[in-house]
């Protein structure tokens, strides 16, 4: 899986976090790695 923040590739377990990458109220949470979380 790709971290949507840093772009690195990780296993599913290491990308279980989800955060919105913008301050927009409509922003959907996206998959990020544990490092970026």
PDB file of N, CA and C in Angstrom:
ATOM      1  N   UNK A   1       0.836  -1.187   0.000  1.00  0.00           N
ATOM      2  CA  UNK A   1       0.000   0.000   0.000  1.00  0.00           C
ATOM      3  C   UNK A   1       0.877   1.245   0.000  1.00  0.00           C
ATOM      4  N   UNK A   2       0.401   2.281  -0.638  1.00  0.00           N
ATOM      5  CA  UNK A   2       1.122   3.551  -0.672  1.00  0.00           C
ATOM      6  C   UNK A   2       0.603   4.482   0.414  1.00  0.00           C
ATOM      7  N   UNK A   3       1.530   5.110   1.118  1.00  0.00           N
ATOM      8  CA  UNK A   3       1.164   6.181   2.037  1.00  0.00           C
ATOM      9  C   UNK A   3       0.791   7.380   1.180  1.00  0.00           C
ATOM     10  N   UNK A   4      -0.369   7.953   1.410  1.00  0.00           N
ATOM     11  CA  UNK A   4      -0.836   9.085   0.605  1.00  0.00           C
ATOM     12  C   UNK A   4      -0.143  10.393   0.983  1.00  0.00           C
ATOM     13  N   UNK A   5       0.630  10.369   2.067  1.00  0.00           N
ATOM     14  CA  UNK A   5       1.353  11.570   2.468  1.00  0.00           C
ATOM     15  C   UNK A   5       2.784  11.556   1.925  1.00  0.00           C
ATOM     16  N   UNK A   6       3.560  10.514   2.227  1.00  0.00           N
ATOM     17  CA  UNK A   6       4.971  10.489   1.817  1.00  0.00           C
ATOM     18  C   UNK A   6       5.206   9.714   0.526  1.00  0.00           C
ATOM     19  N   UNK A   7       4.252   8.853   0.131  1.00  0.00           N
ATOM     20  CA  UNK A   7       4.360   8.116  -1.119  1.00  0.00           C
ATOM     21  C   UNK A   7       5.132   6.816  -1.031  1.00  0.00           C
ATOM     22  N   UNK A   8       5.704   6.503   0.124  1.00  0.00           N
ATOM     23  CA  UNK A   8       6.443   5.255   0.281  1.00  0.00           C
ATOM     24  C   UNK A   8       5.476   4.072   0.294  1.00  0.00           C
ATOM     25  N   UNK A   9       6.019   2.881   0.079  1.00  0.00           N
ATOM     26  CA  UNK A   9       5.222   1.662   0.027  1.00  0.00           C
ATOM     27  C   UNK A   9       5.405   0.886   1.328  1.00  0.00           C
ATOM     28  N   UNK A  10       4.285   0.426   1.893  1.00  0.00           N
ATOM     29  CA  UNK A  10       4.295  -0.291   3.163  1.00  0.00           C
ATOM     30  C   UNK A  10       3.312  -1.451   3.104  1.00  0.00           C
ATOM     31  N   UNK A  11       3.461  -2.374   4.060  1.00  0.00           N
ATOM     32  CA  UNK A  11       2.490  -3.463   4.190  1.00  0.00           C
ATOM     33  C   UNK A  11       1.189  -2.903   4.770  1.00  0.00           C
ATOM     34  N   UNK A  12       0.142  -3.693   4.710  1.00  0.00           N
ATOM     35  CA  UNK A  12      -1.169  -3.255   5.198  1.00  0.00           C
ATOM     36  C   UNK A  12      -1.118  -2.867   6.669  1.00  0.00           C
ATOM     37  N   UNK A  13      -0.418  -3.646   7.475  1.00  0.00           N
ATOM     38  CA  UNK A  13      -0.336  -3.390   8.920  1.00  0.00           C
ATOM     39  C   UNK A  13       0.302  -2.033   9.215  1.00  0.00           C
ATOM     40  N   UNK A  14       1.248  -1.613   8.387  1.00  0.00           N
ATOM     41  CA  UNK A  14       1.973  -0.355   8.623  1.00  0.00           C
ATOM     42  C   UNK A  14       1.279   0.865   8.021  1.00  0.00           C
ATOM     43  N   UNK A  15       0.147   0.640   7.369  1.00  0.00           N
ATOM     44  CA  UNK A  15      -0.611   1.763   6.806  1.00  0.00           C
ATOM     45  C   UNK A  15      -2.065   1.703   7.261  1.00  0.00           C
ATOM     46  N   UNK A  16      -2.265   1.349   8.503  1.00  0.00           N
ATOM     47  CA  UNK A  16      -3.634   1.202   9.005  1.00  0.00           C
ATOM     48  C   UNK A  16      -4.247   2.536   9.425  1.00  0.00           C
ATOM     49  N   UNK A  17      -3.416   3.577   9.536  1.00  0.00           N
ATOM     50  CA  UNK A  17      -3.918   4.884   9.944  1.00  0.00           C
ATOM     51  C   UNK A  17      -4.613   5.613   8.816  1.00  0.00           C
ATOM     52  N   UNK A  18      -5.555   6.464   9.170  1.00  0.00           N
ATOM     53  CA  UNK A  18      -6.274   7.288   8.194  1.00  0.00           C
ATOM     54  C   UNK A  18      -6.367   8.703   8.743  1.00  0.00           C
ATOM     55  N   UNK A  19      -5.946   9.677   7.945  1.00  0.00           N
ATOM     56  CA  UNK A  19      -6.088  11.079   8.325  1.00  0.00           C
ATOM     57  C   UNK A  19      -6.470  11.892   7.094  1.00  0.00           C
ATOM     58  N   UNK A  20      -7.087  13.030   7.324  1.00  0.00           N
ATOM     59  CA  UNK A  20      -7.359  13.976   6.242  1.00  0.00           C
ATOM     60  C   UNK A  20      -6.082  14.786   6.019  1.00  0.00           C
ATOM     61  N   UNK A  21      -5.659  14.924   4.775  1.00  0.00           N
ATOM     62  CA  UNK A  21      -4.398  15.608   4.477  1.00  0.00           C
ATOM     63  C   UNK A  21      -4.555  17.107   4.272  1.00  0.00           C
ATOM     64  N   UNK A  22      -5.785  17.592   4.265  1.00  0.00           N
ATOM     65  CA  UNK A  22      -6.016  19.031   4.130  1.00  0.00           C
ATOM     66  C   UNK A  22      -6.931  19.501   5.252  1.00  0.00           C
ATOM     67  N   UNK A  23      -6.990  20.789   5.443  1.00  0.00           N
ATOM     68  CA  UNK A  23      -7.856  21.365   6.471  1.00  0.00           C
ATOM     69  C   UNK A  23      -9.285  21.562   5.985  1.00  0.00           C
ATOM     70  N   UNK A  24      -9.542  21.190   4.746  1.00  0.00           N
ATOM     71  CA  UNK A  24     -10.871  21.319   4.156  1.00  0.00           C
ATOM     72  C   UNK A  24     -11.873  20.463   4.940  1.00  0.00           C
ATOM     73  N   UNK A  25     -13.011  21.034   5.281  1.00  0.00           N
ATOM     74  CA  UNK A  25     -14.036  20.299   6.024  1.00  0.00           C
ATOM     75  C   UNK A  25     -14.557  19.087   5.260  1.00  0.00           C
ATOM     76  N   UNK A  26     -14.437  19.112   3.937  1.00  0.00           N
ATOM     77  CA  UNK A  26     -14.928  18.017   3.106  1.00  0.00           C
ATOM     78  C   UNK A  26     -13.864  16.950   2.843  1.00  0.00           C
ATOM     79  N   UNK A  27     -12.646  17.148   3.331  1.00  0.00           N
ATOM     80  CA  UNK A  27     -11.547  16.218   3.062  1.00  0.00           C
ATOM     81  C   UNK A  27     -11.824  14.857   3.690  1.00  0.00           C
ATOM     82  N   UNK A  28     -11.644  13.826   2.902  1.00  0.00           N
ATOM     83  CA  UNK A  28     -11.837  12.459   3.376  1.00  0.00           C
ATOM     84  C   UNK A  28     -10.529  11.921   3.959  1.00  0.00           C
ATOM     85  N   UNK A  29     -10.594  11.138   5.027  1.00  0.00           N
ATOM     86  CA  UNK A  29      -9.380  10.511   5.558  1.00  0.00           C
ATOM     87  C   UNK A  29      -8.795   9.545   4.529  1.00  0.00           C
ATOM     88  N   UNK A  30      -7.491   9.559   4.391  1.00  0.00           N
ATOM     89  CA  UNK A  30      -6.801   8.679   3.450  1.00  0.00           C
ATOM     90  C   UNK A  30      -5.746   7.855   4.186  1.00  0.00           C
ATOM     91  N   UNK A  31      -5.301   6.769   3.555  1.00  0.00           N
ATOM     92  CA  UNK A  31      -4.337   5.847   4.142  1.00  0.00           C
ATOM     93  C   UNK A  31      -2.966   6.512   4.278  1.00  0.00           C
ATOM     94  N   UNK A  32      -2.411   6.462   5.480  1.00  0.00           N
ATOM     95  CA  UNK A  32      -1.066   6.977   5.721  1.00  0.00           C
ATOM     96  C   UNK A  32      -0.272   5.961   6.532  1.00  0.00           C
ATOM     97  N   UNK A  33       1.042   6.020   6.405  1.00  0.00           N
ATOM     98  CA  UNK A  33       1.900   5.095   7.145  1.00  0.00           C
ATOM     99  C   UNK A  33       2.006   5.522   8.608  1.00  0.00           C
ATOM    100  N   UNK A  34       2.487   4.615   9.432  1.00  0.00           N
ATOM    101  CA  UNK A  34       2.636   4.905  10.861  1.00  0.00           C
ATOM    102  C   UNK A  34       3.582   6.072  11.099  1.00  0.00           C
ATOM    103  N   UNK A  35       4.591   6.216  10.258  1.00  0.00           N
ATOM    104  CA  UNK A  35       5.556   7.309  10.392  1.00  0.00           C
ATOM    105  C   UNK A  35       4.890   8.666  10.184  1.00  0.00           C
ATOM    106  N   UNK A  36       3.991   8.764   9.208  1.00  0.00           N
ATOM    107  CA  UNK A  36       3.317  10.029   8.911  1.00  0.00           C
ATOM    108  C   UNK A  36       2.132  10.290   9.838  1.00  0.00           C
ATOM    109  N   UNK A  37       1.635   9.261  10.467  1.00  0.00           N
ATOM    110  CA  UNK A  37       0.485   9.411  11.345  1.00  0.00           C
ATOM    111  C   UNK A  37       0.879  10.197  12.562  1.00  0.00           C
TER     112      UNK A  37
END
